[in-house]
PDB file of N, CA and C in Angstrom:
ATOM      1  N   MET A   1      88.346  86.000  33.953  1.00  0.00           N
ATOM      2  CA  MET A   1      87.215  85.489  33.249  1.00  0.00           C
ATOM      3  C   MET A   1      87.215  86.016  31.813  1.00  0.00           C
ATOM      4  N   SER A   2      86.991  85.110  30.885  1.00  0.00           N
ATOM      5  CA  SER A   2      86.935  85.485  29.432  1.00  0.00           C
ATOM      6  C   SER A   2      85.534  85.826  29.047  1.00  0.00           C
ATOM      7  N   ARG A   3      85.387  86.659  28.038  1.00  0.00           N
ATOM      8  CA  ARG A   3      84.084  87.103  27.566  1.00  0.00           C
ATOM      9  C   ARG A   3      83.910  86.952  26.088  1.00  0.00           C
ATOM     10  N   LEU A   4      82.703  86.656  25.699  1.00  0.00           N
ATOM     11  CA  LEU A   4      82.292  86.599  24.284  1.00  0.00           C
ATOM     12  C   LEU A   4      81.202  87.700  24.112  1.00  0.00           C
ATOM     13  N   ILE A   5      81.476  88.633  23.209  1.00  0.00           N
ATOM     14  CA  ILE A   5      80.524  89.711  23.002  1.00  0.00           C
ATOM     15  C   ILE A   5      80.164  89.801  21.529  1.00  0.00           C
ATOM     16  N   ARG A   6      78.981  90.352  21.270  1.00  0.00           N
ATOM     17  CA  ARG A   6      78.529  90.633  19.887  1.00  0.00           C
ATOM     18  C   ARG A   6      78.438  92.153  19.746  1.00  0.00           C
ATOM     19  N   LEU A   7      79.118  92.680  18.727  1.00  0.00           N
ATOM     20  CA  LEU A   7      78.930  94.075  18.417  1.00  0.00           C
ATOM     21  C   LEU A   7      77.587  94.255  17.725  1.00  0.00           C
ATOM     22  N   ASP A   8      76.819  95.233  18.205  1.00  0.00           N
ATOM     23  CA  ASP A   8      75.494  95.448  17.623  1.00  0.00           C
ATOM     24  C   ASP A   8      75.100  96.901  17.834  1.00  0.00           C
ATOM     25  N   GLN A   9      73.839  97.218  17.493  1.00  0.00           N
ATOM     26  CA  GLN A   9      73.375  98.580  17.494  1.00  0.00           C
ATOM     27  C   GLN A   9      73.345  99.218  18.897  1.00  0.00           C
ATOM     28  N   THR A  10      73.450  98.408  19.947  1.00  0.00           N
ATOM     29  CA  THR A  10      73.491  98.947  21.334  1.00  0.00           C
ATOM     30  C   THR A  10      74.905  99.185  21.747  1.00  0.00           C
ATOM     31  N   GLY A  11      75.857  98.887  20.937  1.00  0.00           N
ATOM     32  CA  GLY A  11      77.281  98.908  21.294  1.00  0.00           C
ATOM     33  C   GLY A  11      77.849  97.507  21.299  1.00  0.00           C
ATOM     34  N   HIS A  12      77.489  96.766  22.380  1.00  0.00           N
ATOM     35  CA  HIS A  12      77.830  95.325  22.409  1.00  0.00           C
ATOM     36  C   HIS A  12      76.913  94.630  23.394  1.00  0.00           C
ATOM     37  N   THR A  13      76.722  93.304  23.134  1.00  0.00           N
ATOM     38  CA  THR A  13      75.925  92.494  24.003  1.00  0.00           C
ATOM     39  C   THR A  13      76.816  91.336  24.494  1.00  0.00           C
ATOM     40  N   LEU A  14      76.810  91.098  25.824  1.00  0.00           N
ATOM     41  CA  LEU A  14      77.579  90.015  26.374  1.00  0.00           C
ATOM     42  C   LEU A  14      76.800  88.709  26.085  1.00  0.00           C
ATOM     43  N   LEU A  15      77.438  87.770  25.418  1.00  0.00           N
ATOM     44  CA  LEU A  15      76.869  86.535  25.061  1.00  0.00           C
ATOM     45  C   LEU A  15      77.254  85.381  26.008  1.00  0.00           C
ATOM     46  N   ALA A  16      78.471  85.420  26.518  1.00  0.00           N
ATOM     47  CA  ALA A  16      78.931  84.360  27.435  1.00  0.00           C
ATOM     48  C   ALA A  16      80.192  84.848  28.153  1.00  0.00           C
ATOM     49  N   GLU A  17      80.364  84.281  29.348  1.00  0.00           N
ATOM     50  CA  GLU A  17      81.597  84.399  30.127  1.00  0.00           C
ATOM     51  C   GLU A  17      82.037  83.028  30.509  1.00  0.00           C
ATOM     52  N   TRP A  18      83.368  82.818  30.545  1.00  0.00           N
ATOM     53  CA  TRP A  18      83.819  81.450  30.925  1.00  0.00           C
ATOM     54  C   TRP A  18      85.164  81.576  31.577  1.00  0.00           C
ATOM     55  N   THR A  19      85.469  80.491  32.305  1.00  0.00           N
ATOM     56  CA  THR A  19      86.768  80.260  32.857  1.00  0.00           C
ATOM     57  C   THR A  19      87.185  78.886  32.302  1.00  0.00           C
ATOM     58  N   ALA A  20      88.390  78.775  31.783  1.00  0.00           N
ATOM     59  CA  ALA A  20      88.831  77.574  31.126  1.00  0.00           C
ATOM     60  C   ALA A  20      88.737  76.332  32.015  1.00  0.00           C
ATOM     61  N   THR A  21      88.733  76.532  33.303  1.00  0.00           N
ATOM     62  CA  THR A  21      88.661  75.372  34.209  1.00  0.00           C
ATOM     63  C   THR A  21      87.213  74.973  34.578  1.00  0.00           C
ATOM     64  N   ASP A  22      86.263  75.810  34.142  1.00  0.00           N
ATOM     65  CA  ASP A  22      84.858  75.553  34.484  1.00  0.00           C
ATOM     66  C   ASP A  22      84.173  74.985  33.261  1.00  0.00           C
ATOM     67  N   GLU A  23      83.996  73.666  33.238  1.00  0.00           N
ATOM     68  CA  GLU A  23      83.481  72.951  32.039  1.00  0.00           C
ATOM     69  C   GLU A  23      82.085  73.465  31.640  1.00  0.00           C
ATOM     70  N   THR A  24      81.245  73.726  32.611  1.00  0.00           N
ATOM     71  CA  THR A  24      79.885  74.237  32.290  1.00  0.00           C
ATOM     72  C   THR A  24      79.912  75.561  31.594  1.00  0.00           C
ATOM     73  N   SER A  25      80.752  76.516  32.076  1.00  0.00           N
ATOM     74  CA  SER A  25      80.821  77.794  31.430  1.00  0.00           C
ATOM     75  C   SER A  25      81.475  77.701  30.054  1.00  0.00           C
ATOM     76  N   VAL A  26      82.422  76.807  29.880  1.00  0.00           N
ATOM     77  CA  VAL A  26      83.050  76.591  28.573  1.00  0.00           C
ATOM     78  C   VAL A  26      82.025  76.037  27.557  1.00  0.00           C
ATOM     79  N   GLU A  27      81.264  75.059  27.997  1.00  0.00           N
ATOM     80  CA  GLU A  27      80.210  74.465  27.094  1.00  0.00           C
ATOM     81  C   GLU A  27      79.222  75.518  26.642  1.00  0.00           C
ATOM     82  N   ALA A  28      78.765  76.397  27.591  1.00  0.00           N
ATOM     83  CA  ALA A  28      77.836  77.434  27.242  1.00  0.00           C
ATOM     84  C   ALA A  28      78.459  78.448  26.315  1.00  0.00           C
ATOM     85  N   ALA A  29      79.709  78.767  26.505  1.00  0.00           N
ATOM     86  CA  ALA A  29      80.405  79.738  25.630  1.00  0.00           C
ATOM     87  C   ALA A  29      80.616  79.168  24.244  1.00  0.00           C
ATOM     88  N   VAL A  30      81.004  77.909  24.151  1.00  0.00           N
ATOM     89  CA  VAL A  30      81.150  77.238  22.829  1.00  0.00           C
ATOM     90  C   VAL A  30      79.814  77.200  22.115  1.00  0.00           C
ATOM     91  N   ALA A  31      78.757  76.861  22.812  1.00  0.00           N
ATOM     92  CA  ALA A  31      77.437  76.841  22.151  1.00  0.00           C
ATOM     93  C   ALA A  31      77.037  78.197  21.658  1.00  0.00           C
ATOM     94  N   ALA A  32      77.241  79.237  22.443  1.00  0.00           N
ATOM     95  CA  ALA A  32      76.928  80.629  22.004  1.00  0.00           C
ATOM     96  C   ALA A  32      77.731  81.007  20.796  1.00  0.00           C
ATOM     97  N   PHE A  33      79.048  80.710  20.848  1.00  0.00           N
ATOM     98  CA  PHE A  33      79.967  81.022  19.771  1.00  0.00           C
ATOM     99  C   PHE A  33      79.567  80.331  18.485  1.00  0.00           C
ATOM    100  N   THR A  34      79.297  79.058  18.564  1.00  0.00           N
ATOM    101  CA  THR A  34      78.893  78.284  17.393  1.00  0.00           C
ATOM    102  C   THR A  34      77.589  78.761  16.829  1.00  0.00           C
ATOM    103  N   GLY A  35      76.624  79.076  17.702  1.00  0.00           N
ATOM    104  CA  GLY A  35      75.371  79.617  17.189  1.00  0.00           C
ATOM    105  C   GLY A  35      75.533  80.922  16.444  1.00  0.00           C
ATOM    106  N   GLU A  36      76.415  81.814  16.876  1.00  0.00           N
ATOM    107  CA  GLU A  36      76.677  83.062  16.198  1.00  0.00           C
ATOM    108  C   GLU A  36      77.251  82.796  14.795  1.00  0.00           C
ATOM    109  N   LEU A  37      78.204  81.889  14.740  1.00  0.00           N
ATOM    110  CA  LEU A  37      78.874  81.574  13.434  1.00  0.00           C
ATOM    111  C   LEU A  37      77.864  80.959  12.493  1.00  0.00           C
ATOM    112  N   GLU A  38      76.993  80.108  13.041  1.00  0.00           N
ATOM    113  CA  GLU A  38      75.990  79.490  12.194  1.00  0.00           C
ATOM    114  C   GLU A  38      75.013  80.501  11.614  1.00  0.00           C
ATOM    115  N   ARG A  39      74.821  81.611  12.301  1.00  0.00           N
ATOM    116  CA  ARG A  39      73.956  82.689  11.784  1.00  0.00           C
ATOM    117  C   ARG A  39      74.674  83.653  10.883  1.00  0.00           C
ATOM    118  N   GLY A  40      75.914  83.335  10.539  1.00  0.00           N
ATOM    119  CA  GLY A  40      76.661  84.154   9.553  1.00  0.00           C
ATOM    120  C   GLY A  40      77.636  85.140  10.159  1.00  0.00           C
ATOM    121  N   ALA A  41      77.752  85.192  11.443  1.00  0.00           N
ATOM    122  CA  ALA A  41      78.672  86.136  12.057  1.00  0.00           C
ATOM    123  C   ALA A  41      80.084  85.657  11.889  1.00  0.00           C
ATOM    124  N   TYR A  42      81.018  86.541  12.085  1.00  0.00           N
ATOM    125  CA  TYR A  42      82.480  86.106  12.181  1.00  0.00           C
ATOM    126  C   TYR A  42      83.009  86.598  13.474  1.00  0.00           C
ATOM    127  N   ALA A  43      84.103  85.988  13.907  1.00  0.00           N
ATOM    128  CA  ALA A  43      84.712  86.237  15.183  1.00  0.00           C
ATOM    129  C   ALA A  43      86.164  86.656  15.092  1.00  0.00           C
ATOM    130  N   VAL A  44      86.603  87.513  15.986  1.00  0.00           N
ATOM    131  CA  VAL A  44      87.961  87.942  16.008  1.00  0.00           C
ATOM    132  C   VAL A  44      88.472  88.042  17.464  1.00  0.00           C
ATOM    133  N   VAL A  45      89.805  87.869  17.572  1.00  0.00           N
ATOM    134  CA  VAL A  45      90.490  88.071  18.860  1.00  0.00           C
ATOM    135  C   VAL A  45      91.689  88.992  18.549  1.00  0.00           C
ATOM    136  N   THR A  46      92.061  89.809  19.545  1.00  0.00           N
ATOM    137  CA  THR A  46      93.235  90.645  19.316  1.00  0.00           C
ATOM    138  C   THR A  46      94.465  89.795  19.404  1.00  0.00           C
ATOM    139  N   THR A  47      95.438  90.230  18.585  1.00  0.00           N
ATOM    140  CA  THR A  47      96.750  89.520  18.550  1.00  0.00           C
ATOM    141  C   THR A  47      97.866  90.497  18.921  1.00  0.00           C
ATOM    142  N   GLY A  48      97.523  91.685  19.243  1.00  0.00           N
ATOM    143  CA  GLY A  48      98.546  92.671  19.564  1.00  0.00           C
ATOM    144  C   GLY A  48      97.969  94.060  19.404  1.00  0.00           C
ATOM    145  N   GLU A  49      98.753  95.069  19.665  1.00  0.00           N
ATOM    146  CA  GLU A  49      98.344  96.445  19.568  1.00  0.00           C
ATOM    147  C   GLU A  49      97.739  96.754  18.184  1.00  0.00           C
ATOM    148  N   GLY A  50      96.414  96.940  18.145  1.00  0.00           N
ATOM    149  CA  GLY A  50      95.733  97.303  16.926  1.00  0.00           C
ATOM    150  C   GLY A  50      95.618  96.224  15.862  1.00  0.00           C
ATOM    151  N   GLU A  51      95.823  94.993  16.289  1.00  0.00           N
ATOM    152  CA  GLU A  51      95.728  93.855  15.341  1.00  0.00           C
ATOM    153  C   GLU A  51      94.771  92.804  15.837  1.00  0.00           C
ATOM    154  N   ALA A  52      94.115  92.101  14.945  1.00  0.00           N
ATOM    155  CA  ALA A  52      93.184  91.045  15.311  1.00  0.00           C
ATOM    156  C   ALA A  52      93.241  89.939  14.296  1.00  0.00           C
ATOM    157  N   GLU A  53      92.827  88.754  14.690  1.00  0.00           N
ATOM    158  CA  GLU A  53      92.817  87.595  13.858  1.00  0.00           C
ATOM    159  C   GLU A  53      91.395  86.989  13.867  1.00  0.00           C
ATOM    160  N   GLN A  54      90.954  86.585  12.711  1.00  0.00           N
ATOM    161  CA  GLN A  54      89.640  85.940  12.633  1.00  0.00           C
ATOM    162  C   GLN A  54      89.829  84.487  13.095  1.00  0.00           C
ATOM    163  N   VAL A  55      88.826  84.052  13.876  1.00  0.00           N
ATOM    164  CA  VAL A  55      88.880  82.659  14.444  1.00  0.00           C
ATOM    165  C   VAL A  55      87.581  81.881  14.041  1.00  0.00           C
ATOM    166  N   SER A  56      87.714  80.598  13.905  1.00  0.00           N
ATOM    167  CA  SER A  56      86.544  79.779  13.638  1.00  0.00           C
ATOM    168  C   SER A  56      86.217  78.823  14.767  1.00  0.00           C
ATOM    169  N   GLU A  57      87.131  78.794  15.751  1.00  0.00           N
ATOM    170  CA  GLU A  57      86.856  77.976  16.985  1.00  0.00           C
ATOM    171  C   GLU A  57      87.094  78.943  18.160  1.00  0.00           C
ATOM    172  N   LEU A  58      86.350  78.752  19.211  1.00  0.00           N
ATOM    173  CA  LEU A  58      86.468  79.591  20.369  1.00  0.00           C
ATOM    174  C   LEU A  58      87.816  79.378  21.057  1.00  0.00           C
ATOM    175  N   PRO A  59      88.694  80.379  21.111  1.00  0.00           N
ATOM    176  CA  PRO A  59      89.937  80.253  21.802  1.00  0.00           C
ATOM    177  C   PRO A  59      89.697  80.413  23.310  1.00  0.00           C
ATOM    178  N   LEU A  60      89.804  79.302  24.051  1.00  0.00           N
ATOM    179  CA  LEU A  60      89.476  79.313  25.443  1.00  0.00           C
ATOM    180  C   LEU A  60      90.380  80.181  26.318  1.00  0.00           C
ATOM    181  N   ASP A  61      91.562  80.470  25.788  1.00  0.00           N
ATOM    182  CA  ASP A  61      92.532  81.263  26.549  1.00  0.00           C
ATOM    183  C   ASP A  61      92.459  82.771  26.245  1.00  0.00           C
ATOM    184  N   ALA A  62      91.599  83.168  25.362  1.00  0.00           N
ATOM    185  CA  ALA A  62      91.441  84.574  24.984  1.00  0.00           C
ATOM    186  C   ALA A  62      90.679  85.307  26.108  1.00  0.00           C
ATOM    187  N   ASP A  63      91.087  86.528  26.348  1.00  0.00           N
ATOM    188  CA  ASP A  63      90.346  87.353  27.310  1.00  0.00           C
ATOM    189  C   ASP A  63      89.018  87.878  26.743  1.00  0.00           C
ATOM    190  N   LEU A  64      89.043  88.192  25.420  1.00  0.00           N
ATOM    191  CA  LEU A  64      87.861  88.737  24.806  1.00  0.00           C
ATOM    192  C   LEU A  64      87.741  88.199  23.384  1.00  0.00           C
ATOM    193  N   VAL A  65      86.566  87.737  23.033  1.00  0.00           N
ATOM    194  CA  VAL A  65      86.286  87.293  21.705  1.00  0.00           C
ATOM    195  C   VAL A  65      85.082  88.140  21.211  1.00  0.00           C
ATOM    196  N   ILE A  66      85.241  88.735  20.023  1.00  0.00           N
ATOM    197  CA  ILE A  66      84.189  89.635  19.486  1.00  0.00           C
ATOM    198  C   ILE A  66      83.614  89.008  18.254  1.00  0.00           C
ATOM    199  N   VAL A  67      82.266  88.942  18.165  1.00  0.00           N
ATOM    200  CA  VAL A  67      81.552  88.472  17.021  1.00  0.00           C
ATOM    201  C   VAL A  67      80.750  89.630  16.459  1.00  0.00           C
ATOM    202  N   ARG A  68      80.597  89.622  15.180  1.00  0.00           N
ATOM    203  CA  ARG A  68      79.781  90.656  14.496  1.00  0.00           C
ATOM    204  C   ARG A  68      79.299  90.123  13.168  1.00  0.00           C
ATOM    205  N   SER A  69      78.222  90.720  12.710  1.00  0.00           N
ATOM    206  CA  SER A  69      77.677  90.383  11.395  1.00  0.00           C
ATOM    207  C   SER A  69      78.580  90.961  10.324  1.00  0.00           C
ATOM    208  N   PRO A  70      78.635  90.317   9.163  1.00  0.00           N
ATOM    209  CA  PRO A  70      79.423  90.897   8.035  1.00  0.00           C
ATOM    210  C   PRO A  70      78.789  92.242   7.681  1.00  0.00           C
ATOM    211  N   ILE A  71      79.642  93.123   7.179  1.00  0.00           N
ATOM    212  CA  ILE A  71      79.173  94.446   6.676  1.00  0.00           C
ATOM    213  C   ILE A  71      78.475  94.230   5.366  1.00  0.00           C
ATOM    214  N   ALA A  72      77.333  94.838   5.187  1.00  0.00           N
ATOM    215  CA  ALA A  72      76.568  94.679   3.946  1.00  0.00           C
ATOM    216  C   ALA A  72      77.196  95.576   2.872  1.00  0.00           C
ATOM    217  N   GLY A  73      76.980  95.155   1.674  1.00  0.00           N
ATOM    218  CA  GLY A  73      77.510  95.979   0.549  1.00  0.00           C
ATOM    219  C   GLY A  73      78.529  95.168  -0.270  1.00  0.00           C
ATOM    220  N   GLY A  74      79.262  95.862  -1.085  1.00  0.00           N
ATOM    221  CA  GLY A  74      80.274  95.129  -1.794  1.00  0.00           C
ATOM    222  C   GLY A  74      80.731  95.770  -2.944  1.00  0.00           C
TER     223      GLY A  74
END
Protein backbone atom coordinates (compact mmCIF):
# COMPACT_ATOMS: atom_id res chain seq x y z
CA MET A 1 0.00 0.00 0.00
CA SER A 2 1.30 3.44 -0.97
CA ARG A 3 1.06 6.44 1.34
CA LEU A 4 0.79 10.21 0.95
CA ILE A 5 1.97 12.13 4.01
CA ARG A 6 2.34 15.79 4.93
CA LEU A 7 5.31 16.87 7.05
CA ASP A 8 4.03 19.19 9.75
CA GLN A 9 4.49 20.30 13.34
CA THR A 10 3.30 16.91 14.63
CA GLY A 11 5.93 15.08 12.59
CA HIS A 12 3.69 13.92 9.78
CA THR A 13 0.03 13.46 8.96
CA LEU A 14 -1.26 10.64 6.78
CA LEU A 15 -3.33 12.17 3.97
CA ALA A 16 -4.09 9.10 1.86
CA GLU A 17 -3.28 5.46 1.24
CA TRP A 18 -3.85 3.71 -2.06
CA THR A 19 -3.29 0.61 -4.07
CA ALA A 20 -2.79 1.17 -7.79
CA THR A 21 -5.45 -1.43 -8.59
CA ASP A 22 -8.09 0.17 -6.34
CA GLU A 23 -9.63 3.00 -8.36
CA THR A 24 -11.49 4.51 -5.38
CA SER A 25 -8.34 4.79 -3.26
CA VAL A 26 -6.38 6.20 -6.22
CA GLU A 27 -9.02 8.88 -6.84
CA ALA A 28 -8.97 9.88 -3.17
CA ALA A 29 -5.17 10.04 -3.14
CA VAL A 30 -5.03 12.13 -6.31
CA ALA A 31 -7.60 14.53 -4.86
CA ALA A 32 -5.64 14.88 -1.62
CA PHE A 33 -2.37 15.34 -3.54
CA THR A 34 -3.86 17.96 -5.86
CA GLY A 35 -5.40 19.84 -2.94
CA GLU A 36 -2.04 20.05 -1.18
CA LEU A 37 -0.32 21.40 -4.30
CA GLU A 38 -3.09 23.95 -4.82
CA ARG A 39 -2.42 25.21 -1.27
CA GLY A 40 1.22 25.84 -2.19
CA ALA A 41 2.86 22.65 -0.95
CA TYR A 42 5.40 20.72 -2.94
CA ALA A 43 5.84 16.97 -3.16
CA VAL A 44 8.83 14.65 -3.34
CA VAL A 45 9.53 10.96 -3.76
CA THR A 46 12.78 9.16 -3.03
CA THR A 47 14.86 8.15 -6.02
CA GLY A 48 17.61 6.34 -4.16
CA GLU A 49 19.73 6.41 -1.04
CA GLY A 50 19.51 9.98 0.29
CA GLU A 51 18.05 11.39 -2.94
CA ALA A 52 14.60 12.72 -3.80
CA GLU A 53 12.82 14.18 -6.80
CA GLN A 54 10.11 16.82 -6.78
CA VAL A 55 6.90 15.68 -8.51
CA SER A 56 3.86 17.55 -9.77
CA GLU A 57 1.70 14.48 -10.40
CA LEU A 58 1.04 11.67 -7.95
CA PRO A 59 3.28 8.72 -8.90
CA LEU A 60 0.94 5.79 -8.33
CA ASP A 61 3.81 3.30 -8.12
CA ALA A 62 5.66 5.16 -5.32
CA ASP A 63 5.67 3.63 -1.85
CA LEU A 64 5.76 7.03 -0.13
CA VAL A 65 5.02 10.55 -1.35
CA ILE A 66 5.85 13.42 1.00
CA VAL A 67 4.31 16.88 0.77
CA ARG A 68 5.37 19.91 2.74
CA SER A 69 4.96 23.66 2.77
CA PRO A 70 7.79 25.74 1.33
CA ILE A 71 10.30 26.98 3.87
CA ALA A 72 9.73 30.65 4.69
CA GLY A 73 12.52 33.16 4.25
CA GLY A 74 14.82 33.88 1.44
